[in-house]
Amino acid sequence: MVEELLRSGTASALLHQPNLQGETPLYVASFHGYLDIVRLLISKKVNSRIVTKARASALLVAVQQGHHEVPCGLARQLARLTY
């Protein structure tokens, strides 16, 4: 479903758009532990360093929520894109 939205081009513009609290799609996916969506968003080169108005990052919220596979996935995916 998410991949289809991204292919349509409609949602692509929203990948970097935070909500009123400053939460990006990457933050929300990390909060809920949706590792596949986190990987997909990182592959689309979203900014993983954006923080919310409460100064929380996608990485921080994943750890706080106990989704330990998400930070590992974030780190692996970012390493692949960087090198």
Protein backbone atom coordinates (compact mmCIF):
# COMPACT_ATOMS: atom_id res chain seq x y z
CA MET A 1 0.00 0.00 0.00
CA VAL A 2 2.70 2.50 0.98
CA GLU A 3 4.81 1.55 -2.04
CA GLU A 4 1.81 2.12 -4.33
CA LEU A 5 1.25 5.58 -2.86
CA LEU A 6 4.90 6.46 -3.35
CA ARG A 7 4.83 5.25 -6.94
CA SER A 8 1.79 7.40 -7.69
CA GLY A 9 3.82 10.52 -6.92
CA THR A 10 1.08 11.98 -4.74
CA ALA A 11 2.63 10.92 -1.46
CA SER A 12 6.22 11.57 -2.50
CA ALA A 13 5.93 15.24 -1.63
CA LEU A 14 4.69 14.33 1.84
CA LEU A 15 7.69 12.16 2.76
CA HIS A 16 9.50 15.06 4.39
CA GLN A 17 6.44 16.95 5.63
CA PRO A 18 6.04 17.03 9.42
CA ASN A 19 2.66 17.29 11.12
CA LEU A 20 1.83 20.01 13.66
CA GLN A 21 3.91 18.25 16.33
CA GLY A 22 6.87 17.98 13.96
CA GLU A 23 6.43 14.24 13.42
CA THR A 24 7.49 13.02 9.98
CA PRO A 25 6.35 9.78 8.35
CA LEU A 26 9.68 8.24 9.41
CA TYR A 27 9.06 9.25 13.02
CA VAL A 28 5.56 7.76 13.00
CA ALA A 29 6.75 4.50 11.41
CA SER A 30 9.56 4.29 13.97
CA PHE A 31 7.17 5.00 16.84
CA HIS A 32 4.95 2.08 15.80
CA GLY A 33 7.84 -0.26 14.97
CA TYR A 34 6.99 -0.58 11.27
CA LEU A 35 10.45 -1.69 10.15
CA ASP A 36 9.48 -2.34 6.52
CA ILE A 37 8.10 1.18 6.19
CA VAL A 38 11.16 2.65 7.94
CA ARG A 39 13.39 0.87 5.42
CA LEU A 40 11.26 2.04 2.52
CA LEU A 41 11.33 5.65 3.69
CA ILE A 42 15.11 5.57 4.21
CA SER A 43 15.52 4.12 0.70
CA LYS A 44 13.64 7.21 -0.53
CA LYS A 45 16.33 9.30 1.18
CA VAL A 46 14.16 10.96 3.80
CA ASN A 47 16.01 12.99 6.41
CA SER A 48 16.42 10.76 9.44
CA ARG A 49 17.83 13.57 11.57
CA ILE A 50 14.66 15.69 11.79
CA VAL A 51 13.42 16.08 15.36
CA THR A 52 9.93 16.84 16.61
CA LYS A 53 8.94 19.94 18.53
CA ALA A 54 9.56 17.86 21.67
CA ARG A 55 13.15 17.28 20.37
CA ALA A 56 12.62 13.56 19.70
CA SER A 57 14.08 11.79 16.66
CA ALA A 58 12.86 8.69 14.85
CA LEU A 59 15.77 6.78 16.37
CA LEU A 60 15.02 7.96 19.91
CA VAL A 61 11.31 7.19 19.76
CA ALA A 62 11.95 3.69 18.41
CA VAL A 63 14.22 2.94 21.37
CA GLN A 64 11.78 4.50 23.85
CA GLN A 65 8.93 2.38 22.48
CA GLY A 66 10.99 -0.81 22.70
CA HIS A 67 11.22 -1.35 18.94
CA HIS A 68 14.89 -2.29 19.03
CA GLU A 69 14.84 -3.73 15.52
CA VAL A 70 14.07 -0.27 14.10
CA PRO A 71 17.30 1.47 15.24
CA CYS A 72 19.30 -1.49 13.92
CA GLY A 73 17.41 -1.29 10.63
CA LEU A 74 17.92 2.47 10.47
CA ALA A 75 21.64 2.12 11.04
CA ARG A 76 22.03 -0.65 8.45
CA GLN A 77 20.00 1.17 5.83
CA LEU A 78 21.83 4.47 6.38
CA ALA A 79 25.19 2.70 6.17
CA ARG A 80 24.23 1.18 2.81
CA LEU A 81 23.22 4.55 1.42
CA THR A 82 26.29 6.33 2.76
CA TYR A 83 28.97 3.95 1.49
